[in-house]
C-alpha atoms as a PDB file:
ATOM      1  CA  MET A   1      13.583  -2.915  26.257  1.00  0.00           C
ATOM      2  CA  THR A   2      13.870   0.204  24.319  1.00  0.00           C
ATOM      3  CA  ASP A   3      16.559   2.671  24.257  1.00  0.00           C
ATOM      4  CA  PRO A   4      16.130   5.537  26.943  1.00  0.00           C
ATOM      5  CA  LEU A   5      17.384   8.170  24.201  1.00  0.00           C
ATOM      6  CA  ASN A   6      14.849   6.984  21.574  1.00  0.00           C
ATOM      7  CA  ARG A   7      12.010   7.030  24.342  1.00  0.00           C
ATOM      8  CA  SER A   8       9.751  10.070  24.077  1.00  0.00           C
ATOM      9  CA  ARG A   9      10.467  11.987  27.272  1.00  0.00           C
ATOM     10  CA  THR A  10       8.437  14.598  28.958  1.00  0.00           C
ATOM     11  CA  GLY A  11       8.721  16.349  32.187  1.00  0.00           C
ATOM     12  CA  TRP A  12      11.613  16.177  34.488  1.00  0.00           C
ATOM     13  CA  THR A  13      13.095  13.243  32.634  1.00  0.00           C
ATOM     14  CA  GLY A  14      13.185  15.241  29.244  1.00  0.00           C
ATOM     15  CA  ALA A  15      14.397  18.087  30.959  1.00  0.00           C
ATOM     16  CA  ALA A  16      17.214  16.212  32.338  1.00  0.00           C
ATOM     17  CA  VAL A  17      18.188  14.344  29.278  1.00  0.00           C
ATOM     18  CA  ARG A  18      18.412  17.672  27.150  1.00  0.00           C
ATOM     19  CA  VAL A  19      20.595  19.182  29.924  1.00  0.00           C
ATOM     20  CA  ILE A  20      22.844  16.334  30.277  1.00  0.00           C
ATOM     21  CA  THR A  21      23.361  16.035  26.319  1.00  0.00           C
ATOM     22  CA  LEU A  22      24.058  19.776  26.230  1.00  0.00           C
ATOM     23  CA  TRP A  23      26.679  19.087  28.912  1.00  0.00           C
ATOM     24  CA  ALA A  24      28.175  16.191  26.864  1.00  0.00           C
ATOM     25  CA  LEU A  25      28.292  18.544  23.865  1.00  0.00           C
ATOM     26  CA  LEU A  26      30.210  21.236  25.904  1.00  0.00           C
ATOM     27  CA  GLY A  27      32.498  18.546  26.954  1.00  0.00           C
ATOM     28  CA  GLY A  28      33.247  17.459  23.331  1.00  0.00           C
ATOM     29  CA  ALA A  29      33.546  21.256  22.502  1.00  0.00           C
ATOM     30  CA  LEU A  30      36.288  21.878  25.140  1.00  0.00           C
ATOM     31  CA  LEU A  31      37.899  18.685  24.007  1.00  0.00           C
ATOM     32  CA  PHE A  32      38.206  19.879  20.516  1.00  0.00           C
ATOM     33  CA  ALA A  33      39.410  23.265  21.801  1.00  0.00           C
ATOM     34  CA  VAL A  34      42.209  21.263  23.463  1.00  0.00           C
ATOM     35  CA  VAL A  35      43.125  19.437  20.429  1.00  0.00           C
ATOM     36  CA  LEU A  36      43.326  22.791  18.492  1.00  0.00           C
ATOM     37  CA  MET A  37      45.420  24.285  21.246  1.00  0.00           C
ATOM     38  CA  ASN A  38      47.870  21.484  21.016  1.00  0.00           C
ATOM     39  CA  VAL A  39      47.957  21.630  17.179  1.00  0.00           C
ATOM     40  CA  ALA A  40      48.785  25.205  17.665  1.00  0.00           C
ATOM     41  CA  SER A  41      51.371  24.454  20.230  1.00  0.00           C
ATOM     42  CA  ILE A  42      52.929  21.927  17.695  1.00  0.00           C
ATOM     43  CA  LEU A  43      53.198  24.156  14.962  1.00  0.00           C
ATOM     44  CA  GLY A  44      54.316  26.872  16.948  1.00  0.00           C
ATOM     45  CA  ALA A  45      57.104  24.802  18.523  1.00  0.00           C
ATOM     46  CA  ILE A  46      58.179  24.009  14.926  1.00  0.00           C
ATOM     47  CA  ILE A  47      58.737  27.923  14.437  1.00  0.00           C
ATOM     48  CA  GLY A  48      60.148  28.460  17.963  1.00  0.00           C
ATOM     49  CA  ARG A  49      56.735  29.795  19.519  1.00  0.00           C
ATOM     50  CA  PRO A  50      55.040  26.806  21.168  1.00  0.00           C
ATOM     51  CA  VAL A  51      51.853  27.579  23.221  1.00  0.00           C
ATOM     52  CA  PRO A  52      52.956  28.510  27.140  1.00  0.00           C
ATOM     53  CA  GLY A  53      51.280  26.083  29.227  1.00  0.00           C
ATOM     54  CA  ASP A  54      49.746  23.732  26.955  1.00  0.00           C
ATOM     55  CA  PHE A  55      50.392  20.859  28.948  1.00  0.00           C
ATOM     56  CA  GLU A  56      48.388  22.354  31.908  1.00  0.00           C
ATOM     57  CA  LEU A  57      45.655  23.331  29.717  1.00  0.00           C
ATOM     58  CA  THR A  58      45.550  20.050  28.195  1.00  0.00           C
ATOM     59  CA  GLU A  59      45.424  18.504  31.709  1.00  0.00           C
ATOM     60  CA  LEU A  60      42.499  20.603  32.967  1.00  0.00           C
ATOM     61  CA  GLY A  61      40.711  20.286  29.743  1.00  0.00           C
ATOM     62  CA  VAL A  62      40.641  16.737  29.345  1.00  0.00           C
ATOM     63  CA  ALA A  63      39.874  15.997  32.822  1.00  0.00           C
ATOM     64  CA  ILE A  64      36.913  18.564  32.767  1.00  0.00           C
ATOM     65  CA  ALA A  65      35.757  16.858  29.425  1.00  0.00           C
ATOM     66  CA  VAL A  66      36.038  13.374  30.850  1.00  0.00           C
ATOM     67  CA  PHE A  67      33.677  14.100  33.594  1.00  0.00           C
ATOM     68  CA  ALA A  68      31.427  15.965  31.220  1.00  0.00           C
ATOM     69  CA  PHE A  69      30.695  12.765  29.283  1.00  0.00           C
ATOM     70  CA  LEU A  70      29.981  10.499  32.538  1.00  0.00           C
ATOM     71  CA  PRO A  71      26.204  11.735  32.716  1.00  0.00           C
ATOM     72  CA  TYR A  72      25.541  11.006  29.053  1.00  0.00           C
ATOM     73  CA  THR A  73      27.303   7.834  29.238  1.00  0.00           C
ATOM     74  CA  GLN A  74      24.741   6.804  31.925  1.00  0.00           C
ATOM     75  CA  VAL A  75      21.720   8.490  30.741  1.00  0.00           C
ATOM     76  CA  SER A  76      22.138   6.431  27.316  1.00  0.00           C
ATOM     77  CA  ASP A  77      22.900   3.474  28.781  1.00  0.00           C
ATOM     78  CA  GLY A  78      26.187   3.432  27.260  1.00  0.00           C
ATOM     79  CA  ASN A  79      28.372   1.806  30.084  1.00  0.00           C
ATOM     80  CA  VAL A  80      30.434  -1.058  29.377  1.00  0.00           C
ATOM     81  CA  THR A  81      28.502  -4.310  30.143  1.00  0.00           C
ATOM     82  CA  ALA A  82      29.273  -8.166  30.008  1.00  0.00           C
ATOM     83  CA  ASP A  83      26.693  -9.006  27.416  1.00  0.00           C
ATOM     84  CA  ILE A  84      28.073 -12.659  27.786  1.00  0.00           C
ATOM     85  CA  PHE A  85      26.348 -13.283  30.986  1.00  0.00           C
ATOM     86  CA  THR A  86      23.065 -11.608  30.143  1.00  0.00           C
ATOM     87  CA  SER A  87      22.832 -12.393  26.168  1.00  0.00           C
ATOM     88  CA  GLY A  88      20.147 -15.290  27.179  1.00  0.00           C
ATOM     89  CA  ALA A  89      18.318 -13.301  29.866  1.00  0.00           C
ATOM     90  CA  GLY A  90      14.915 -11.854  29.607  1.00  0.00           C
ATOM     91  CA  PRO A  91      14.324  -8.158  29.511  1.00  0.00           C
ATOM     92  CA  ARG A  92      13.288  -8.050  32.925  1.00  0.00           C
ATOM     93  CA  THR A  93      16.271  -9.582  34.456  1.00  0.00           C
ATOM     94  CA  VAL A  94      18.312  -7.280  32.367  1.00  0.00           C
ATOM     95  CA  ALA A  95      16.129  -4.404  33.567  1.00  0.00           C
ATOM     96  CA  CYS A  96      16.798  -5.436  37.163  1.00  0.00           C
ATOM     97  CA  LEU A  97      20.587  -5.805  36.622  1.00  0.00           C
ATOM     98  CA  LYS A  98      20.492  -2.408  35.097  1.00  0.00           C
ATOM     99  CA  LEU A  99      18.400  -0.908  37.928  1.00  0.00           C
ATOM    100  CA  VAL A 100      21.105  -2.182  40.415  1.00  0.00           C
ATOM    101  CA  GLY A 101      23.804  -0.574  38.357  1.00  0.00           C
ATOM    102  CA  ALA A 102      21.925   2.776  38.455  1.00  0.00           C
ATOM    103  CA  VAL A 103      21.717   2.390  42.021  1.00  0.00           C
ATOM    104  CA  ILE A 104      25.318   1.968  42.298  1.00  0.00           C
ATOM    105  CA  ALA A 105      25.990   4.736  39.994  1.00  0.00           C
ATOM    106  CA  PHE A 106      23.750   7.116  41.963  1.00  0.00           C
ATOM    107  CA  GLY A 107      25.746   6.343  45.143  1.00  0.00           C
ATOM    108  CA  PHE A 108      29.008   6.555  43.454  1.00  0.00           C
ATOM    109  CA  ALA A 109      28.212   9.850  41.884  1.00  0.00           C
ATOM    110  CA  LEU A 110      27.040  11.248  45.540  1.00  0.00           C
ATOM    111  CA  LEU A 111      30.212   9.793  46.871  1.00  0.00           C
ATOM    112  CA  LEU A 112      32.455  11.572  44.213  1.00  0.00           C
ATOM    113  CA  LEU A 113      30.656  14.948  44.658  1.00  0.00           C
ATOM    114  CA  TRP A 114      31.097  15.041  48.313  1.00  0.00           C
ATOM    115  CA  ARG A 115      34.868  14.026  47.957  1.00  0.00           C
ATOM    116  CA  MET A 116      35.525  16.338  45.230  1.00  0.00           C
ATOM    117  CA  TYR A 117      33.778  19.225  46.802  1.00  0.00           C
ATOM    118  CA  ALA A 118      36.202  18.646  49.734  1.00  0.00           C
ATOM    119  CA  GLY A 119      39.178  18.220  47.589  1.00  0.00           C
ATOM    120  CA  MET A 120      38.196  21.646  45.952  1.00  0.00           C
ATOM    121  CA  GLY A 121      38.220  23.228  49.227  1.00  0.00           C
ATOM    122  CA  ASP A 122      41.875  21.982  50.181  1.00  0.00           C
ATOM    123  CA  GLN A 123      42.928  23.040  46.561  1.00  0.00           C
ATOM    124  CA  ARG A 124      41.690  26.669  47.292  1.00  0.00           C
ATOM    125  CA  ALA A 125      42.867  26.868  50.760  1.00  0.00           C
ATOM    126  CA  TYR A 126      46.294  25.603  49.780  1.00  0.00           C
ATOM    127  CA  GLY A 127      46.412  28.215  46.844  1.00  0.00           C
ATOM    128  CA  TYR A 128      47.658  25.478  44.356  1.00  0.00           C
ATOM    129  CA  THR A 129      48.220  26.778  40.893  1.00  0.00           C
ATOM    130  CA  THR A 130      49.458  25.495  37.837  1.00  0.00           C
ATOM    131  CA  THR A 131      53.183  26.143  37.440  1.00  0.00           C
ATOM    132  CA  ILE A 132      53.339  28.058  34.145  1.00  0.00           C
ATOM    133  CA  LEU A 133      50.099  29.769  33.720  1.00  0.00           C
ATOM    134  CA  GLN A 134      49.494  30.309  37.431  1.00  0.00           C
ATOM    135  CA  VAL A 135      45.769  29.039  36.931  1.00  0.00           C
ATOM    136  CA  PRO A 136      44.156  28.026  40.142  1.00  0.00           C
ATOM    137  CA  VAL A 137      43.570  24.307  40.001  1.00  0.00           C
ATOM    138  CA  TRP A 138      40.210  24.546  42.236  1.00  0.00           C
ATOM    139  CA  LEU A 139      38.773  26.321  39.485  1.00  0.00           C
ATOM    140  CA  ALA A 140      38.753  23.026  37.226  1.00  0.00           C
ATOM    141  CA  PHE A 141      36.493  21.439  39.952  1.00  0.00           C
ATOM    142  CA  LEU A 142      33.658  23.440  39.322  1.00  0.00           C
ATOM    143  CA  PRO A 143      32.598  22.038  36.103  1.00  0.00           C
ATOM    144  CA  ILE A 144      33.506  18.600  37.525  1.00  0.00           C
ATOM    145  CA  LEU A 145      31.255  18.823  40.494  1.00  0.00           C
ATOM    146  CA  VAL A 146      28.502  20.018  37.850  1.00  0.00           C
ATOM    147  CA  SER A 147      29.212  16.794  35.868  1.00  0.00           C
ATOM    148  CA  LEU A 148      29.062  14.532  39.127  1.00  0.00           C
ATOM    149  CA  ALA A 149      25.633  16.247  40.129  1.00  0.00           C
ATOM    150  CA  LEU A 150      24.391  15.627  36.594  1.00  0.00           C
ATOM    151  CA  LEU A 151      25.750  11.919  36.788  1.00  0.00           C
ATOM    152  CA  ALA A 152      23.516  11.464  39.874  1.00  0.00           C
ATOM    153  CA  LEU A 153      20.731  13.027  37.949  1.00  0.00           C
ATOM    154  CA  ALA A 154      21.175  10.911  35.122  1.00  0.00           C
ATOM    155  CA  ALA A 155      21.328   7.551  37.439  1.00  0.00           C
ATOM    156  CA  LEU A 156      17.931   8.752  38.734  1.00  0.00           C
ATOM    157  CA  VAL A 157      16.453   8.836  35.334  1.00  0.00           C
ATOM    158  CA  SER A 158      17.863   5.391  34.662  1.00  0.00           C
ATOM    159  CA  LEU A 159      16.486   4.210  37.850  1.00  0.00           C
ATOM    160  CA  ARG A 160      13.133   5.359  36.880  1.00  0.00           C
ATOM    161  CA  ASP A 161      13.229   3.816  33.186  1.00  0.00           C
ATOM    162  CA  HIS A 162      14.424   0.517  34.524  1.00  0.00           C
ATOM    163  CA  ALA A 163      12.033   0.425  37.233  1.00  0.00           C
ATOM    164  CA  ALA A 164       9.289   1.176  34.480  1.00  0.00           C
ATOM    165  CA  VAL A 165      10.489  -1.930  32.614  1.00  0.00           C
ATOM    166  CA  LEU A 166      10.340  -3.857  35.332  1.00  0.00           C
ATOM    167  CA  ARG A 167       6.702  -2.685  36.184  1.00  0.00           C
ATOM    168  CA  GLY A 168       5.651  -3.467  32.610  1.00  0.00           C
ATOM    169  CA  THR A 169       4.811   0.270  31.841  1.00  0.00           C
ATOM    170  CA  THR A 170       7.203   0.680  29.024  1.00  0.00           C
END
């Protein structure tokens, strides 16, 4: 079976993989910004001027970044697997198991999207903010919801890829 990222993609799957990859890169840039802010806060603390709210920003930034990486992990077939059970299996068996995994990922993404949307509404209704900077917590849910929608899309791309292997069209 070929690696889905190394395949020539056209149409909606190619567009989806490009958007998912860009989203993961943005998540990486956010994580890098969080690291820089922490360095600035540590150096500032040495001279008595730490970055206010650094823990709050780290918490929000890391949560957003982690969710941004989920769709890329799904579409690149990068999820953790127990290869000891499939090392002797043929490509069709592995594709069948990955197809089941993609169905589960799709359902999980939709479930999380639904519940995180409800959670965002609750956070907004309660007016919950961070302690120091008073950042509304519900704002962090927006990019997380985008990540979960992209995870569902990535699961559909995976479904298509693994179904193609089962059909023998790859």
